[in-house]
N, C-alpha and C. Protein backbone atom coordinates (compact mmCIF):
# COMPACT_ATOMS: atom_id res chain seq x y z
N MET A 1 -27.61 -46.32 87.19
CA MET A 1 -27.38 -45.75 85.90
C MET A 1 -26.11 -44.88 85.96
N LYS A 2 -25.67 -44.12 86.93
CA LYS A 2 -24.77 -43.28 87.09
C LYS A 2 -23.26 -44.13 86.88
N LYS A 3 -23.40 -45.28 87.76
CA LYS A 3 -22.29 -46.13 87.81
C LYS A 3 -22.08 -46.97 86.56
N LEU A 4 -23.07 -47.19 85.89
CA LEU A 4 -22.89 -47.69 84.37
C LEU A 4 -22.34 -46.65 83.64
N ILE A 5 -22.59 -45.42 83.52
CA ILE A 5 -21.99 -44.52 82.81
C ILE A 5 -20.39 -44.09 83.04
N VAL A 6 -20.46 -44.04 84.30
CA VAL A 6 -18.89 -43.65 84.91
C VAL A 6 -17.92 -44.95 84.58
N ALA A 7 -18.51 -46.17 84.58
CA ALA A 7 -17.63 -47.32 84.15
C ALA A 7 -17.42 -47.29 82.51
N LEU A 8 -18.27 -46.94 82.05
CA LEU A 8 -17.98 -46.86 80.48
C LEU A 8 -17.12 -45.80 80.13
N CYS A 9 -17.19 -44.69 80.84
CA CYS A 9 -16.25 -43.54 80.51
C CYS A 9 -14.68 -43.97 80.91
N PHE A 10 -14.75 -44.81 81.90
CA PHE A 10 -13.27 -45.08 82.64
C PHE A 10 -12.82 -46.05 81.74
N THR A 11 -13.51 -46.99 81.05
CA THR A 11 -13.02 -48.11 80.10
C THR A 11 -12.74 -47.52 79.00
N SER A 12 -13.43 -46.52 78.37
CA SER A 12 -13.08 -45.81 77.17
C SER A 12 -11.88 -45.03 77.39
N LEU A 13 -11.53 -44.45 78.53
CA LEU A 13 -10.47 -43.66 78.70
C LEU A 13 -9.06 -44.80 78.72
N LEU A 14 -9.20 -45.81 79.55
CA LEU A 14 -8.30 -46.90 79.42
C LEU A 14 -8.13 -47.32 78.16
N ALA A 15 -9.03 -47.58 77.36
CA ALA A 15 -8.83 -48.05 75.97
C ALA A 15 -8.03 -47.02 75.05
N VAL A 16 -8.22 -45.88 75.30
CA VAL A 16 -7.59 -44.70 74.56
C VAL A 16 -6.12 -44.66 74.91
N ALA A 17 -6.06 -44.84 76.23
CA ALA A 17 -4.44 -44.52 76.90
C ALA A 17 -3.75 -45.68 76.35
N ALA A 18 -4.30 -47.08 76.24
CA ALA A 18 -3.51 -48.26 75.92
C ALA A 18 -3.23 -48.20 74.20
N HIS A 19 -4.04 -47.64 73.61
CA HIS A 19 -3.91 -47.35 72.16
C HIS A 19 -2.84 -46.44 71.80
N ALA A 20 -2.71 -45.29 72.62
CA ALA A 20 -1.82 -44.19 72.54
C ALA A 20 -0.45 -44.78 72.95
N GLU A 21 -0.29 -45.80 73.73
CA GLU A 21 1.04 -46.27 73.88
C GLU A 21 1.50 -47.16 72.80
N ASP A 22 0.69 -47.89 71.97
CA ASP A 22 1.23 -48.83 71.16
C ASP A 22 1.86 -48.03 69.96
N LYS A 23 1.62 -46.84 69.59
CA LYS A 23 2.00 -46.02 68.55
C LYS A 23 3.64 -46.07 68.44
N PRO A 24 4.52 -46.21 67.65
CA PRO A 24 5.98 -46.02 67.63
C PRO A 24 6.28 -44.57 67.40
N ALA A 25 7.52 -44.23 67.99
CA ALA A 25 7.82 -42.83 67.98
C ALA A 25 8.99 -42.71 67.07
N ALA A 26 8.84 -43.34 65.92
CA ALA A 26 10.06 -43.41 64.86
C ALA A 26 10.14 -41.92 64.27
N LYS A 27 9.22 -41.33 64.17
CA LYS A 27 9.41 -40.08 63.45
C LYS A 27 9.89 -38.87 64.32
N THR A 28 10.06 -39.14 65.74
CA THR A 28 10.56 -38.08 66.37
C THR A 28 12.05 -38.58 66.70
N GLU A 29 12.45 -39.68 66.23
CA GLU A 29 13.93 -39.92 66.49
C GLU A 29 14.67 -39.53 65.34
N LYS A 30 15.84 -38.92 65.48
CA LYS A 30 16.46 -38.37 64.67
C LYS A 30 17.95 -39.42 64.34
N LYS A 31 18.34 -39.70 63.13
CA LYS A 31 19.47 -40.55 62.98
C LYS A 31 20.66 -39.55 62.82
N THR A 32 21.63 -40.37 63.67
CA THR A 32 22.83 -39.77 63.86
C THR A 32 23.53 -40.19 62.74
N LEU A 33 24.76 -39.19 62.09
CA LEU A 33 25.34 -39.55 60.95
C LEU A 33 26.98 -39.84 61.45
N THR A 34 27.49 -40.59 60.87
CA THR A 34 28.91 -40.71 61.15
C THR A 34 29.78 -39.85 60.27
N ALA A 35 30.86 -39.71 60.72
CA ALA A 35 31.73 -38.64 60.05
C ALA A 35 32.02 -38.99 58.52
N GLU A 36 32.06 -40.07 58.11
CA GLU A 36 32.33 -40.48 56.85
C GLU A 36 30.82 -40.04 55.99
N GLN A 37 29.66 -40.30 56.66
CA GLN A 37 28.60 -39.83 56.06
C GLN A 37 28.32 -38.47 55.87
N LYS A 38 28.72 -37.76 56.79
CA LYS A 38 28.51 -36.16 56.88
C LYS A 38 29.71 -35.54 55.64
N THR A 39 30.87 -36.35 55.40
CA THR A 39 31.60 -35.84 54.52
C THR A 39 30.85 -36.13 53.11
N ALA A 40 30.39 -37.36 53.20
CA ALA A 40 29.65 -37.75 51.72
C ALA A 40 28.55 -36.78 51.28
N ARG A 41 27.73 -36.56 52.50
CA ARG A 41 26.57 -35.48 52.33
C ARG A 41 27.05 -34.28 51.87
N LYS A 42 28.21 -33.50 52.19
CA LYS A 42 28.72 -32.38 51.96
C LYS A 42 29.01 -32.39 50.55
N ALA A 43 29.70 -33.60 50.08
CA ALA A 43 30.22 -33.73 48.74
C ALA A 43 29.02 -33.56 47.67
N LEU A 44 27.75 -34.54 48.25
CA LEU A 44 26.60 -34.63 47.45
C LEU A 44 25.90 -33.25 47.28
N LEU A 45 26.07 -32.51 48.27
CA LEU A 45 25.34 -31.08 48.43
C LEU A 45 26.22 -30.18 47.32
N ASP A 46 27.54 -30.23 47.45
CA ASP A 46 28.34 -29.37 46.61
C ASP A 46 28.11 -29.91 45.02
N LYS A 47 27.89 -31.05 44.79
CA LYS A 47 27.69 -31.37 43.49
C LYS A 47 26.39 -31.46 42.96
N TYR A 48 25.42 -31.75 43.67
CA TYR A 48 24.07 -31.79 43.21
C TYR A 48 22.94 -30.83 43.80
N ASP A 49 23.21 -30.03 44.75
CA ASP A 49 22.45 -29.03 45.22
C ASP A 49 22.60 -27.75 44.19
N THR A 50 21.37 -27.87 43.26
CA THR A 50 21.52 -26.69 42.39
C THR A 50 21.03 -25.42 42.80
N ASN A 51 19.74 -25.49 43.64
CA ASN A 51 19.27 -24.13 44.07
C ASN A 51 20.07 -23.81 45.33
N LYS A 52 21.13 -24.29 45.94
CA LYS A 52 21.84 -23.93 47.02
C LYS A 52 21.00 -23.54 48.29
N ASP A 53 19.98 -24.55 48.39
CA ASP A 53 19.26 -24.30 49.64
C ASP A 53 19.66 -25.34 50.83
N GLY A 54 20.92 -26.10 50.68
CA GLY A 54 21.43 -26.87 51.69
C GLY A 54 20.64 -28.23 51.72
N LYS A 55 19.87 -28.40 50.92
CA LYS A 55 18.95 -29.78 50.99
C LYS A 55 18.86 -30.26 49.76
N LEU A 56 18.81 -31.55 49.59
CA LEU A 56 18.68 -32.31 48.15
C LEU A 56 17.20 -32.57 48.02
N ASP A 57 16.54 -31.87 47.18
CA ASP A 57 15.17 -32.22 46.89
C ASP A 57 15.01 -33.57 45.93
N LYS A 58 13.71 -33.69 45.57
CA LYS A 58 13.58 -35.16 44.92
C LYS A 58 14.30 -35.26 43.49
N ASP A 59 14.15 -34.05 42.67
CA ASP A 59 14.88 -33.91 41.34
C ASP A 59 16.35 -33.92 41.69
N GLU A 60 16.85 -33.29 42.65
CA GLU A 60 18.38 -33.39 42.87
C GLU A 60 18.76 -34.80 43.27
N ARG A 61 18.04 -35.31 44.14
CA ARG A 61 18.45 -36.76 44.51
C ARG A 61 18.33 -37.85 43.34
N SER A 62 17.30 -37.45 42.41
CA SER A 62 17.38 -38.56 41.34
C SER A 62 18.50 -38.46 40.33
N LYS A 63 19.35 -37.23 40.35
CA LYS A 63 20.55 -37.14 39.52
C LYS A 63 21.62 -37.91 40.23
N ALA A 64 21.56 -38.22 41.57
CA ALA A 64 22.80 -39.02 42.34
C ALA A 64 22.53 -40.28 42.26
N SER A 65 23.56 -41.08 42.04
CA SER A 65 23.65 -42.32 42.20
C SER A 65 23.27 -43.34 43.45
N ALA A 66 22.51 -44.44 43.25
CA ALA A 66 22.20 -45.03 44.65
C ALA A 66 23.52 -45.26 45.45
N ASP A 67 24.57 -45.62 45.16
CA ASP A 67 25.73 -45.60 45.91
C ASP A 67 26.09 -44.56 46.62
N GLU A 68 26.15 -43.22 45.88
CA GLU A 68 26.49 -41.99 46.44
C GLU A 68 25.41 -41.65 47.72
N LEU A 69 24.08 -41.97 47.28
CA LEU A 69 23.23 -41.72 48.36
C LEU A 69 23.41 -42.73 49.72
N GLU A 70 23.72 -43.90 49.38
CA GLU A 70 23.85 -44.76 50.39
C GLU A 70 24.72 -44.52 51.31
N LYS A 71 26.28 -43.99 50.60
CA LYS A 71 27.22 -43.61 51.47
C LYS A 71 26.94 -42.35 52.31
N ALA A 72 26.13 -41.50 51.93
CA ALA A 72 25.58 -40.37 52.67
C ALA A 72 24.68 -40.53 53.77
N GLY A 73 24.03 -41.80 53.72
CA GLY A 73 23.20 -42.09 54.75
C GLY A 73 21.86 -41.68 54.46
N TYR A 74 21.50 -41.37 53.22
CA TYR A 74 20.20 -41.05 52.61
C TYR A 74 19.29 -42.64 52.65
N PRO A 75 18.12 -42.66 52.89
CA PRO A 75 17.39 -43.77 52.83
C PRO A 75 17.27 -44.25 51.32
N ALA A 76 17.01 -45.23 50.88
CA ALA A 76 17.27 -46.25 49.75
C ALA A 76 16.12 -45.69 48.89
N LYS A 77 16.17 -45.51 47.59
CA LYS A 77 15.23 -45.24 46.74
C LYS A 77 14.26 -46.18 46.55
N LYS A 78 12.94 -45.80 46.68
CA LYS A 78 11.71 -46.61 46.71
C LYS A 78 11.39 -47.04 45.32
N GLU A 79 11.19 -48.17 44.85
CA GLU A 79 11.00 -48.56 43.77
C GLU A 79 9.26 -48.51 43.20
N LYS A 80 8.78 -47.89 42.52
CA LYS A 80 7.47 -47.51 42.05
C LYS A 80 6.95 -49.05 41.70
N ALA A 81 5.89 -49.33 42.15
CA ALA A 81 5.11 -50.60 41.71
C ALA A 81 4.48 -50.48 40.36
N ALA A 82 4.80 -51.83 39.66
CA ALA A 82 4.27 -51.61 38.25
C ALA A 82 2.65 -51.67 38.28
N LYS A 83 1.95 -51.07 37.45
CA LYS A 83 0.51 -50.90 37.30
C LYS A 83 0.21 -52.01 36.38
């Protein structure tokens, strides 16, 4: 009986370890910006950062055009699904 319990515990540990390796580490990777994107971001902040916190929040981003955001390296705007 002890051998069976030890075998089950060991198998469970292996399954958990294998599952943990499958998860992507995309959120931990930081995207590096080109010099052009850094310049474009600074221009966007100067133009649209109304609360002067150094970041563009959702409302401030909505005022910028898609082309401006793309040049600055921001992710594309997500389209809302029609209900």
